[in-house]
Amino acid sequence: MQVIPTVIPDLVLLEPKVWGDARGFFFESFNSRDFTQLTGQNPTFVQDNHSRSSRHVLRGLHYQIQQPQGKLIRVTTGEIFDVAVDLRRSSPTFGQWESVRLSAENRRLLWIPPGFAHGFLVLSEAAEVLYKATDYYAPAHERTLLWNDPALGIAWPLTGTPLLSAKDQAGVALAQAPTYE
């Protein structure tokens, strides 16, 4: 596995070594020992999530104000524009965002530590996203940051209006959002 640097140092983009031949391919999508060695992090994952979404679906930007979740994201079908926003007030990158394209083709993984909001836009006809989480889903603590907050200025690669859930339409701007210390 190889680490690809990001603008926000705590976000880690990983590219696995893939072995392929005429039969197909094989790669380790997660190895705890290698992950710790490459990132200096040793998370305990307690929940795996799997979503399927159609083109133009935008999910997020979600976070849990209590029981914050670190997430290891990967795509098994299609392609997404994946975004993480630093919500840690003590961080020098507070309020900054980072985006990466994750796809079944590039097989990259994105580690988003606790303290970030996360969301993605589906770029392909459909996409299936798998992610490991370091804490359990806690609906009472879930918050949604406004996906198009002008203060964030996220450059979503949109060709029209995204498909949003009611929860995502009701997101709040960073200036009004609860954040982490």
N, C-alpha and C. Protein backbone atom coordinates (compact mmCIF):
# COMPACT_ATOMS: atom_id res chain seq x y z
N MET A 1 0.85 -1.17 0.00
CA MET A 1 0.00 0.00 0.00
C MET A 1 0.90 1.24 0.00
N GLN A 2 0.45 2.26 -0.69
CA GLN A 2 1.21 3.50 -0.82
C GLN A 2 0.35 4.67 -0.33
N VAL A 3 0.99 5.62 0.37
CA VAL A 3 0.31 6.82 0.85
C VAL A 3 0.49 7.93 -0.17
N ILE A 4 -0.61 8.59 -0.52
CA ILE A 4 -0.58 9.74 -1.42
C ILE A 4 -0.88 10.97 -0.56
N PRO A 5 0.05 11.93 -0.47
CA PRO A 5 -0.16 13.09 0.40
C PRO A 5 -1.40 13.91 -0.01
N THR A 6 -2.02 14.52 1.00
CA THR A 6 -3.16 15.41 0.78
C THR A 6 -2.82 16.78 1.36
N VAL A 7 -3.61 17.78 1.03
CA VAL A 7 -3.39 19.13 1.53
C VAL A 7 -3.58 19.19 3.05
N ILE A 8 -4.59 18.49 3.54
CA ILE A 8 -4.83 18.40 4.99
C ILE A 8 -4.10 17.15 5.48
N PRO A 9 -3.00 17.34 6.23
CA PRO A 9 -2.14 16.20 6.58
C PRO A 9 -2.83 15.04 7.29
N ASP A 10 -3.90 15.30 8.06
CA ASP A 10 -4.55 14.22 8.80
C ASP A 10 -5.40 13.32 7.91
N LEU A 11 -5.74 13.79 6.73
CA LEU A 11 -6.45 12.94 5.76
C LEU A 11 -5.41 12.13 5.01
N VAL A 12 -5.67 10.85 4.86
CA VAL A 12 -4.68 9.97 4.23
C VAL A 12 -5.33 9.25 3.06
N LEU A 13 -4.78 9.46 1.88
CA LEU A 13 -5.22 8.75 0.68
C LEU A 13 -4.30 7.56 0.49
N LEU A 14 -4.88 6.39 0.37
CA LEU A 14 -4.12 5.15 0.26
C LEU A 14 -4.39 4.49 -1.08
N GLU A 15 -3.32 3.99 -1.67
CA GLU A 15 -3.44 3.26 -2.93
C GLU A 15 -2.88 1.85 -2.71
N PRO A 16 -3.76 0.85 -2.76
CA PRO A 16 -3.30 -0.51 -2.50
C PRO A 16 -2.51 -1.09 -3.67
N LYS A 17 -1.67 -2.04 -3.34
CA LYS A 17 -0.97 -2.80 -4.37
C LYS A 17 -1.96 -3.85 -4.88
N VAL A 18 -2.12 -3.88 -6.19
CA VAL A 18 -3.10 -4.78 -6.81
C VAL A 18 -2.36 -5.83 -7.63
N TRP A 19 -2.71 -7.08 -7.40
CA TRP A 19 -2.16 -8.17 -8.20
C TRP A 19 -3.25 -8.61 -9.17
N GLY A 20 -2.93 -8.58 -10.46
CA GLY A 20 -3.92 -8.95 -11.46
C GLY A 20 -3.35 -9.84 -12.53
N ASP A 21 -4.20 -10.60 -13.13
CA ASP A 21 -3.85 -11.42 -14.28
C ASP A 21 -5.11 -11.65 -15.10
N ALA A 22 -5.08 -12.58 -16.02
CA ALA A 22 -6.21 -12.82 -16.91
C ALA A 22 -7.47 -13.25 -16.15
N ARG A 23 -7.31 -13.75 -14.92
CA ARG A 23 -8.45 -14.22 -14.14
C ARG A 23 -9.18 -13.10 -13.42
N GLY A 24 -8.46 -11.96 -13.21
CA GLY A 24 -9.04 -10.87 -12.44
C GLY A 24 -7.97 -10.20 -11.59
N PHE A 25 -8.32 -9.81 -10.37
CA PHE A 25 -7.36 -9.13 -9.50
C PHE A 25 -7.60 -9.50 -8.05
N PHE A 26 -6.60 -9.16 -7.23
CA PHE A 26 -6.67 -9.32 -5.79
C PHE A 26 -5.95 -8.15 -5.14
N PHE A 27 -6.51 -7.63 -4.04
CA PHE A 27 -5.77 -6.67 -3.22
C PHE A 27 -6.33 -6.69 -1.80
N GLU A 28 -5.48 -6.32 -0.84
CA GLU A 28 -5.92 -6.17 0.53
C GLU A 28 -6.52 -4.78 0.66
N SER A 29 -7.79 -4.70 0.99
CA SER A 29 -8.41 -3.38 1.16
C SER A 29 -8.13 -2.82 2.56
N PHE A 30 -7.80 -3.69 3.51
CA PHE A 30 -7.41 -3.21 4.83
C PHE A 30 -6.55 -4.25 5.51
N ASN A 31 -5.46 -3.78 6.11
CA ASN A 31 -4.57 -4.59 6.92
C ASN A 31 -4.17 -3.70 8.09
N SER A 32 -4.59 -4.04 9.29
CA SER A 32 -4.39 -3.18 10.45
C SER A 32 -2.92 -2.85 10.69
N ARG A 33 -2.05 -3.83 10.59
CA ARG A 33 -0.62 -3.60 10.81
C ARG A 33 -0.06 -2.62 9.79
N ASP A 34 -0.36 -2.82 8.51
CA ASP A 34 0.13 -1.93 7.47
C ASP A 34 -0.46 -0.53 7.60
N PHE A 35 -1.75 -0.45 7.93
CA PHE A 35 -2.41 0.85 8.09
C PHE A 35 -1.72 1.66 9.19
N THR A 36 -1.47 1.03 10.33
CA THR A 36 -0.81 1.71 11.45
C THR A 36 0.60 2.14 11.06
N GLN A 37 1.32 1.28 10.38
CA GLN A 37 2.69 1.60 9.97
C GLN A 37 2.71 2.78 9.00
N LEU A 38 1.77 2.84 8.07
CA LEU A 38 1.75 3.89 7.06
C LEU A 38 1.20 5.21 7.57
N THR A 39 0.22 5.16 8.49
CA THR A 39 -0.47 6.38 8.90
C THR A 39 -0.13 6.85 10.32
N GLY A 40 0.44 5.96 11.13
CA GLY A 40 0.67 6.30 12.53
C GLY A 40 -0.61 6.23 13.35
N GLN A 41 -1.70 5.79 12.75
CA GLN A 41 -3.01 5.67 13.41
C GLN A 41 -3.30 4.19 13.65
N ASN A 42 -4.01 3.92 14.73
CA ASN A 42 -4.40 2.54 15.02
C ASN A 42 -5.88 2.50 15.41
N PRO A 43 -6.76 2.82 14.47
CA PRO A 43 -8.19 2.86 14.82
C PRO A 43 -8.77 1.47 15.03
N THR A 44 -9.80 1.45 15.86
CA THR A 44 -10.60 0.24 16.01
C THR A 44 -11.89 0.49 15.26
N PHE A 45 -12.15 -0.33 14.25
CA PHE A 45 -13.37 -0.18 13.47
C PHE A 45 -14.46 -1.05 14.10
N VAL A 46 -15.64 -0.44 14.31
CA VAL A 46 -16.74 -1.14 14.98
C VAL A 46 -17.95 -1.35 14.09
N GLN A 47 -17.94 -0.73 12.92
CA GLN A 47 -19.11 -0.81 12.05
C GLN A 47 -18.66 -0.66 10.60
N ASP A 48 -19.23 -1.47 9.72
CA ASP A 48 -19.02 -1.33 8.28
C ASP A 48 -20.34 -0.89 7.66
N ASN A 49 -20.28 0.08 6.74
CA ASN A 49 -21.46 0.59 6.07
C ASN A 49 -21.30 0.44 4.56
N HIS A 50 -22.42 0.27 3.88
CA HIS A 50 -22.42 0.07 2.43
C HIS A 50 -23.60 0.86 1.87
N SER A 51 -23.32 1.77 0.94
CA SER A 51 -24.42 2.50 0.32
C SER A 51 -24.35 2.37 -1.20
N ARG A 52 -25.49 2.47 -1.82
CA ARG A 52 -25.58 2.52 -3.28
C ARG A 52 -26.38 3.76 -3.63
N SER A 53 -25.86 4.53 -4.58
CA SER A 53 -26.52 5.77 -4.98
C SER A 53 -26.43 5.94 -6.48
N SER A 54 -27.38 6.69 -7.03
CA SER A 54 -27.43 6.97 -8.47
C SER A 54 -26.63 8.23 -8.79
N ARG A 55 -26.40 8.43 -10.09
CA ARG A 55 -25.70 9.63 -10.57
C ARG A 55 -26.38 10.89 -10.02
N HIS A 56 -25.57 11.87 -9.68
CA HIS A 56 -25.99 13.18 -9.17
C HIS A 56 -26.50 13.17 -7.73
N VAL A 57 -26.49 12.00 -7.06
CA VAL A 57 -26.84 11.98 -5.64
C VAL A 57 -25.67 12.58 -4.87
N LEU A 58 -26.01 13.51 -3.99
CA LEU A 58 -25.01 14.09 -3.09
C LEU A 58 -25.43 13.73 -1.67
N ARG A 59 -24.55 13.05 -0.97
CA ARG A 59 -24.80 12.65 0.42
C ARG A 59 -23.85 13.43 1.32
N GLY A 60 -24.41 14.13 2.30
CA GLY A 60 -23.55 14.83 3.25
C GLY A 60 -23.80 16.31 3.24
N LEU A 61 -23.04 16.94 3.99
CA LEU A 61 -21.82 16.59 4.70
C LEU A 61 -22.18 16.20 6.14
N HIS A 62 -21.96 14.94 6.51
CA HIS A 62 -22.42 14.39 7.78
C HIS A 62 -21.29 14.26 8.79
N TYR A 63 -21.67 14.38 10.05
CA TYR A 63 -20.75 14.11 11.16
C TYR A 63 -21.56 13.89 12.43
N GLN A 64 -20.94 13.34 13.44
CA GLN A 64 -21.57 13.15 14.74
C GLN A 64 -20.83 14.03 15.74
N ILE A 65 -21.55 14.95 16.38
CA ILE A 65 -20.93 15.89 17.30
C ILE A 65 -20.46 15.17 18.57
N GLN A 66 -21.16 14.13 18.99
CA GLN A 66 -20.68 13.22 20.03
C GLN A 66 -20.52 11.86 19.36
N GLN A 67 -19.66 11.04 19.89
CA GLN A 67 -19.31 9.77 19.26
C GLN A 67 -18.81 10.01 17.82
N PRO A 68 -17.85 10.93 17.63
CA PRO A 68 -17.35 11.20 16.28
C PRO A 68 -16.75 9.94 15.66
N GLN A 69 -16.96 9.82 14.37
CA GLN A 69 -16.51 8.63 13.65
C GLN A 69 -15.32 8.94 12.76
N GLY A 70 -14.28 8.14 12.86
CA GLY A 70 -13.27 8.08 11.82
C GLY A 70 -13.81 7.14 10.76
N LYS A 71 -13.50 7.42 9.50
CA LYS A 71 -14.04 6.59 8.42
C LYS A 71 -12.94 6.23 7.42
N LEU A 72 -12.94 5.00 6.99
CA LEU A 72 -12.07 4.54 5.91
C LEU A 72 -12.98 4.22 4.73
N ILE A 73 -12.91 5.07 3.69
CA ILE A 73 -13.86 5.05 2.57
C ILE A 73 -13.24 4.36 1.36
N ARG A 74 -14.05 3.55 0.68
CA ARG A 74 -13.64 3.01 -0.62
C ARG A 74 -14.87 2.78 -1.49
N VAL A 75 -14.66 2.71 -2.79
CA VAL A 75 -15.74 2.53 -3.75
C VAL A 75 -15.55 1.18 -4.44
N THR A 76 -16.62 0.39 -4.52
CA THR A 76 -16.53 -0.91 -5.18
C THR A 76 -17.19 -0.92 -6.56
N THR A 77 -18.07 0.05 -6.81
CA THR A 77 -18.73 0.19 -8.11
C THR A 77 -18.84 1.68 -8.41
N GLY A 78 -18.41 2.10 -9.59
CA GLY A 78 -18.59 3.48 -10.00
C GLY A 78 -17.51 4.42 -9.50
N GLU A 79 -17.88 5.73 -9.42
CA GLU A 79 -16.93 6.77 -9.03
C GLU A 79 -17.65 7.85 -8.25
N ILE A 80 -16.96 8.38 -7.22
CA ILE A 80 -17.50 9.48 -6.43
C ILE A 80 -16.46 10.59 -6.29
N PHE A 81 -16.97 11.78 -6.03
CA PHE A 81 -16.18 12.94 -5.63
C PHE A 81 -16.37 13.01 -4.12
N ASP A 82 -15.34 12.63 -3.37
CA ASP A 82 -15.43 12.49 -1.93
C ASP A 82 -14.85 13.72 -1.25
N VAL A 83 -15.54 14.23 -0.23
CA VAL A 83 -15.15 15.48 0.43
C VAL A 83 -15.11 15.29 1.94
N ALA A 84 -14.06 15.84 2.56
CA ALA A 84 -13.95 15.89 4.02
C ALA A 84 -13.69 17.34 4.41
N VAL A 85 -14.38 17.81 5.45
CA VAL A 85 -14.23 19.18 5.96
C VAL A 85 -13.75 19.09 7.40
N ASP A 86 -12.66 19.77 7.70
CA ASP A 86 -12.08 19.77 9.04
C ASP A 86 -12.94 20.64 9.97
N LEU A 87 -13.52 20.03 11.00
CA LEU A 87 -14.37 20.75 11.95
C LEU A 87 -13.73 20.84 13.34
N ARG A 88 -12.41 20.66 13.41
CA ARG A 88 -11.68 20.72 14.68
C ARG A 88 -11.14 22.14 14.86
N ARG A 89 -11.74 22.90 15.77
CA ARG A 89 -11.35 24.30 15.97
C ARG A 89 -9.87 24.44 16.33
N SER A 90 -9.29 23.45 16.99
CA SER A 90 -7.88 23.52 17.38
C SER A 90 -6.93 23.19 16.23
N SER A 91 -7.47 22.81 15.10
CA SER A 91 -6.64 22.42 13.96
C SER A 91 -6.26 23.63 13.10
N PRO A 92 -5.04 23.66 12.59
CA PRO A 92 -4.66 24.75 11.68
C PRO A 92 -5.42 24.71 10.35
N THR A 93 -6.10 23.60 10.07
CA THR A 93 -6.87 23.48 8.83
C THR A 93 -8.38 23.53 9.09
N PHE A 94 -8.78 24.07 10.27
CA PHE A 94 -10.21 24.18 10.59
C PHE A 94 -10.95 24.91 9.46
N GLY A 95 -12.08 24.34 9.04
CA GLY A 95 -12.91 24.95 8.01
C GLY A 95 -12.43 24.69 6.59
N GLN A 96 -11.30 24.01 6.45
CA GLN A 96 -10.81 23.69 5.10
C GLN A 96 -11.36 22.33 4.67
N TRP A 97 -11.43 22.16 3.37
CA TRP A 97 -11.93 20.90 2.83
C TRP A 97 -10.92 20.32 1.86
N GLU A 98 -11.05 19.03 1.67
CA GLU A 98 -10.22 18.29 0.74
C GLU A 98 -11.14 17.38 -0.05
N SER A 99 -10.84 17.22 -1.33
CA SER A 99 -11.64 16.31 -2.14
C SER A 99 -10.71 15.36 -2.88
N VAL A 100 -11.22 14.16 -3.10
CA VAL A 100 -10.52 13.15 -3.90
C VAL A 100 -11.56 12.39 -4.71
N ARG A 101 -11.12 11.85 -5.81
CA ARG A 101 -11.99 10.97 -6.59
C ARG A 101 -11.65 9.54 -6.20
N LEU A 102 -12.66 8.84 -5.75
CA LEU A 102 -12.52 7.44 -5.41
C LEU A 102 -13.36 6.64 -6.39
N SER A 103 -12.80 5.55 -6.87
CA SER A 103 -13.54 4.75 -7.85
C SER A 103 -13.19 3.28 -7.72
N ALA A 104 -14.04 2.45 -8.31
CA ALA A 104 -13.76 1.03 -8.38
C ALA A 104 -12.50 0.81 -9.21
N GLU A 105 -12.27 1.69 -10.17
CA GLU A 105 -11.11 1.54 -11.05
C GLU A 105 -9.80 1.89 -10.35
N ASN A 106 -9.76 3.02 -9.62
CA ASN A 106 -8.49 3.40 -8.99
C ASN A 106 -8.27 2.70 -7.64
N ARG A 107 -9.31 2.13 -7.05
CA ARG A 107 -9.25 1.32 -5.83
C ARG A 107 -8.64 2.05 -4.63
N ARG A 108 -8.58 3.37 -4.69
CA ARG A 108 -8.01 4.14 -3.58
C ARG A 108 -8.97 4.16 -2.39
N LEU A 109 -8.38 4.37 -1.22
CA LEU A 109 -9.13 4.49 0.03
C LEU A 109 -8.78 5.83 0.66
N LEU A 110 -9.74 6.43 1.34
CA LEU A 110 -9.50 7.68 2.03
C LEU A 110 -9.77 7.47 3.52
N TRP A 111 -8.75 7.78 4.35
CA TRP A 111 -8.91 7.76 5.80
C TRP A 111 -9.29 9.17 6.24
N ILE A 112 -10.45 9.28 6.89
CA ILE A 112 -10.94 10.53 7.45
C ILE A 112 -11.02 10.32 8.95
N PRO A 113 -10.14 10.97 9.71
CA PRO A 113 -10.18 10.77 11.17
C PRO A 113 -11.39 11.44 11.81
N PRO A 114 -11.68 11.10 13.07
CA PRO A 114 -12.76 11.79 13.77
C PRO A 114 -12.52 13.29 13.77
N GLY A 115 -13.62 14.06 13.72
CA GLY A 115 -13.50 15.51 13.74
C GLY A 115 -13.74 16.16 12.39
N PHE A 116 -14.14 15.38 11.41
CA PHE A 116 -14.40 15.88 10.06
C PHE A 116 -15.84 15.60 9.68
N ALA A 117 -16.41 16.47 8.84
CA ALA A 117 -17.67 16.18 8.17
C ALA A 117 -17.31 15.47 6.86
N HIS A 118 -18.20 14.61 6.41
CA HIS A 118 -17.92 13.82 5.20
C HIS A 118 -19.13 13.80 4.28
N GLY A 119 -18.86 13.87 2.98
CA GLY A 119 -19.92 13.73 2.00
C GLY A 119 -19.35 13.35 0.65
N PHE A 120 -20.24 12.98 -0.26
CA PHE A 120 -19.77 12.64 -1.61
C PHE A 120 -20.86 12.87 -2.64
N LEU A 121 -20.40 13.07 -3.87
CA LEU A 121 -21.26 13.23 -5.04
C LEU A 121 -20.98 12.07 -5.98
N VAL A 122 -22.02 11.40 -6.46
CA VAL A 122 -21.85 10.28 -7.38
C VAL A 122 -21.64 10.82 -8.80
N LEU A 123 -20.52 10.44 -9.41
CA LEU A 123 -20.16 10.90 -10.75
C LEU A 123 -20.53 9.91 -11.84
N SER A 124 -20.64 8.65 -11.49
CA SER A 124 -20.95 7.59 -12.46
C SER A 124 -22.46 7.32 -12.46
N GLU A 125 -22.88 6.41 -13.31
CA GLU A 125 -24.31 6.06 -13.38
C GLU A 125 -24.84 5.64 -12.00
N ALA A 126 -24.02 4.92 -11.28
CA ALA A 126 -24.32 4.51 -9.90
C ALA A 126 -22.98 4.29 -9.21
N ALA A 127 -23.00 4.28 -7.89
CA ALA A 127 -21.79 4.01 -7.13
C ALA A 127 -22.15 3.27 -5.85
N GLU A 128 -21.30 2.33 -5.49
CA GLU A 128 -21.42 1.65 -4.22
C GLU A 128 -20.21 2.02 -3.38
N VAL A 129 -20.49 2.52 -2.18
CA VAL A 129 -19.46 3.02 -1.28
C VAL A 129 -19.48 2.17 -0.02
N LEU A 130 -18.29 1.69 0.35
CA LEU A 130 -18.12 0.94 1.58
C LEU A 130 -17.26 1.77 2.51
N TYR A 131 -17.64 1.84 3.78
CA TYR A 131 -16.75 2.50 4.71
C TYR A 131 -16.80 1.88 6.09
N LYS A 132 -15.63 1.82 6.67
CA LYS A 132 -15.46 1.36 8.03
C LYS A 132 -15.57 2.57 8.94
N ALA A 133 -16.19 2.41 10.11
CA ALA A 133 -16.35 3.51 11.05
C ALA A 133 -15.78 3.12 12.41
N THR A 134 -15.21 4.12 13.10
CA THR A 134 -14.58 3.87 14.40
C THR A 134 -15.54 4.00 15.57
N ASP A 135 -16.76 4.45 15.32
CA ASP A 135 -17.77 4.49 16.37
C ASP A 135 -19.12 4.17 15.74
N TYR A 136 -20.07 3.83 16.59
CA TYR A 136 -21.38 3.43 16.10
C TYR A 136 -22.19 4.63 15.64
N TYR A 137 -23.10 4.39 14.73
CA TYR A 137 -24.02 5.41 14.28
C TYR A 137 -24.88 5.85 15.45
N ALA A 138 -24.95 7.15 15.67
CA ALA A 138 -25.71 7.70 16.79
C ALA A 138 -26.60 8.82 16.25
N PRO A 139 -27.82 8.49 15.80
CA PRO A 139 -28.68 9.47 15.16
C PRO A 139 -28.94 10.73 15.99
N ALA A 140 -28.96 10.60 17.31
CA ALA A 140 -29.21 11.77 18.17
C ALA A 140 -28.07 12.78 18.08
N HIS A 141 -26.88 12.32 17.68
CA HIS A 141 -25.71 13.20 17.62
C HIS A 141 -25.32 13.57 16.18
N GLU A 142 -26.07 13.05 15.21
CA GLU A 142 -25.73 13.34 13.81
C GLU A 142 -26.06 14.79 13.47
N ARG A 143 -25.16 15.40 12.75
CA ARG A 143 -25.34 16.77 12.27
C ARG A 143 -25.03 16.79 10.78
N THR A 144 -25.56 17.82 10.09
CA THR A 144 -25.31 17.96 8.67
C THR A 144 -24.84 19.38 8.38
N LEU A 145 -23.69 19.47 7.79
CA LEU A 145 -23.13 20.73 7.35
C LEU A 145 -23.67 21.01 5.95
N LEU A 146 -24.04 22.25 5.68
CA LEU A 146 -24.61 22.61 4.38
C LEU A 146 -23.61 22.35 3.26
N TRP A 147 -23.99 21.52 2.32
CA TRP A 147 -23.10 21.07 1.26
C TRP A 147 -22.61 22.21 0.37
N ASN A 148 -23.42 23.27 0.23
CA ASN A 148 -23.06 24.38 -0.66
C ASN A 148 -22.84 25.69 0.10
N ASP A 149 -22.39 25.59 1.35
CA ASP A 149 -22.09 26.77 2.16
C ASP A 149 -21.06 27.63 1.42
N PRO A 150 -21.39 28.88 1.08
CA PRO A 150 -20.43 29.74 0.38
C PRO A 150 -19.13 29.96 1.15
N ALA A 151 -19.20 29.89 2.48
CA ALA A 151 -17.99 30.06 3.29
C ALA A 151 -17.00 28.92 3.06
N LEU A 152 -17.50 27.75 2.73
CA LEU A 152 -16.63 26.61 2.43
C LEU A 152 -16.15 26.67 0.99
N GLY A 153 -17.04 27.00 0.08
CA GLY A 153 -16.68 27.10 -1.33
C GLY A 153 -16.23 25.78 -1.95
N ILE A 154 -16.90 24.70 -1.59
CA ILE A 154 -16.53 23.39 -2.15
C ILE A 154 -16.84 23.40 -3.65
N ALA A 155 -15.86 23.00 -4.44
CA ALA A 155 -15.99 23.00 -5.90
C ALA A 155 -16.55 21.65 -6.37
N TRP A 156 -17.82 21.41 -6.05
CA TRP A 156 -18.47 20.16 -6.48
C TRP A 156 -18.52 20.14 -8.01
N PRO A 157 -18.17 19.05 -8.64
CA PRO A 157 -18.25 18.97 -10.10
C PRO A 157 -19.67 18.67 -10.57
N LEU A 158 -20.55 19.65 -10.41
CA LEU A 158 -21.97 19.48 -10.71
C LEU A 158 -22.31 19.92 -12.13
N THR A 159 -23.26 19.22 -12.71
CA THR A 159 -23.82 19.62 -14.00
C THR A 159 -25.33 19.79 -13.81
N GLY A 160 -25.70 20.63 -12.87
CA GLY A 160 -27.11 20.83 -12.54
C GLY A 160 -27.29 20.75 -11.05
N THR A 161 -28.50 20.45 -10.63
CA THR A 161 -28.83 20.37 -9.22
C THR A 161 -28.64 18.94 -8.73
N PRO A 162 -27.96 18.76 -7.58
CA PRO A 162 -27.78 17.39 -7.07
C PRO A 162 -29.08 16.86 -6.47
N LEU A 163 -29.15 15.55 -6.35
CA LEU A 163 -30.27 14.89 -5.68
C LEU A 163 -29.91 14.79 -4.20
N LEU A 164 -30.73 15.42 -3.34
CA LEU A 164 -30.44 15.52 -1.91
C LEU A 164 -31.58 14.95 -1.08
N SER A 165 -31.24 14.39 0.05
CA SER A 165 -32.26 13.99 1.02
C SER A 165 -32.77 15.25 1.72
N ALA A 166 -33.89 15.13 2.40
CA ALA A 166 -34.42 16.26 3.16
C ALA A 166 -33.41 16.69 4.24
N LYS A 167 -32.76 15.72 4.85
CA LYS A 167 -31.76 16.01 5.89
C LYS A 167 -30.62 16.84 5.30
N ASP A 168 -30.17 16.47 4.12
CA ASP A 168 -29.04 17.19 3.51
C ASP A 168 -29.45 18.57 3.01
N GLN A 169 -30.69 18.72 2.58
CA GLN A 169 -31.18 20.05 2.19
C GLN A 169 -31.24 20.99 3.38
N ALA A 170 -31.43 20.44 4.58
CA ALA A 170 -31.58 21.25 5.79
C ALA A 170 -30.25 21.45 6.54
N GLY A 171 -29.13 21.15 5.91
CA GLY A 171 -27.84 21.33 6.56
C GLY A 171 -27.62 22.78 6.98
N VAL A 172 -26.72 22.99 7.94
CA VAL A 172 -26.44 24.34 8.43
C VAL A 172 -25.06 24.79 7.96
N ALA A 173 -24.91 26.10 7.85
CA ALA A 173 -23.64 26.69 7.45
C ALA A 173 -22.59 26.47 8.55
N LEU A 174 -21.35 26.48 8.17
CA LEU A 174 -20.25 26.28 9.11
C LEU A 174 -20.33 27.28 10.27
N ALA A 175 -20.68 28.52 9.99
CA ALA A 175 -20.74 29.55 11.03
C ALA A 175 -21.74 29.22 12.14
N GLN A 176 -22.78 28.43 11.82
CA GLN A 176 -23.80 28.06 12.81
C GLN A 176 -23.66 26.60 13.28
N ALA A 177 -22.76 25.86 12.69
CA ALA A 177 -22.65 24.43 12.98
C ALA A 177 -21.89 24.17 14.28
N PRO A 178 -22.37 23.19 15.05
CA PRO A 178 -21.57 22.76 16.18
C PRO A 178 -20.29 22.10 15.65
N THR A 179 -19.18 22.37 16.31
CA THR A 179 -17.89 21.84 15.87
C THR A 179 -17.17 21.19 17.04
N TYR A 180 -15.99 20.70 16.79
CA TYR A 180 -15.17 20.04 17.82
C TYR A 180 -14.12 21.02 18.34
N GLU A 181 -13.61 20.74 19.53
CA GLU A 181 -12.54 21.59 20.09
C GLU A 181 -11.28 21.43 19.33
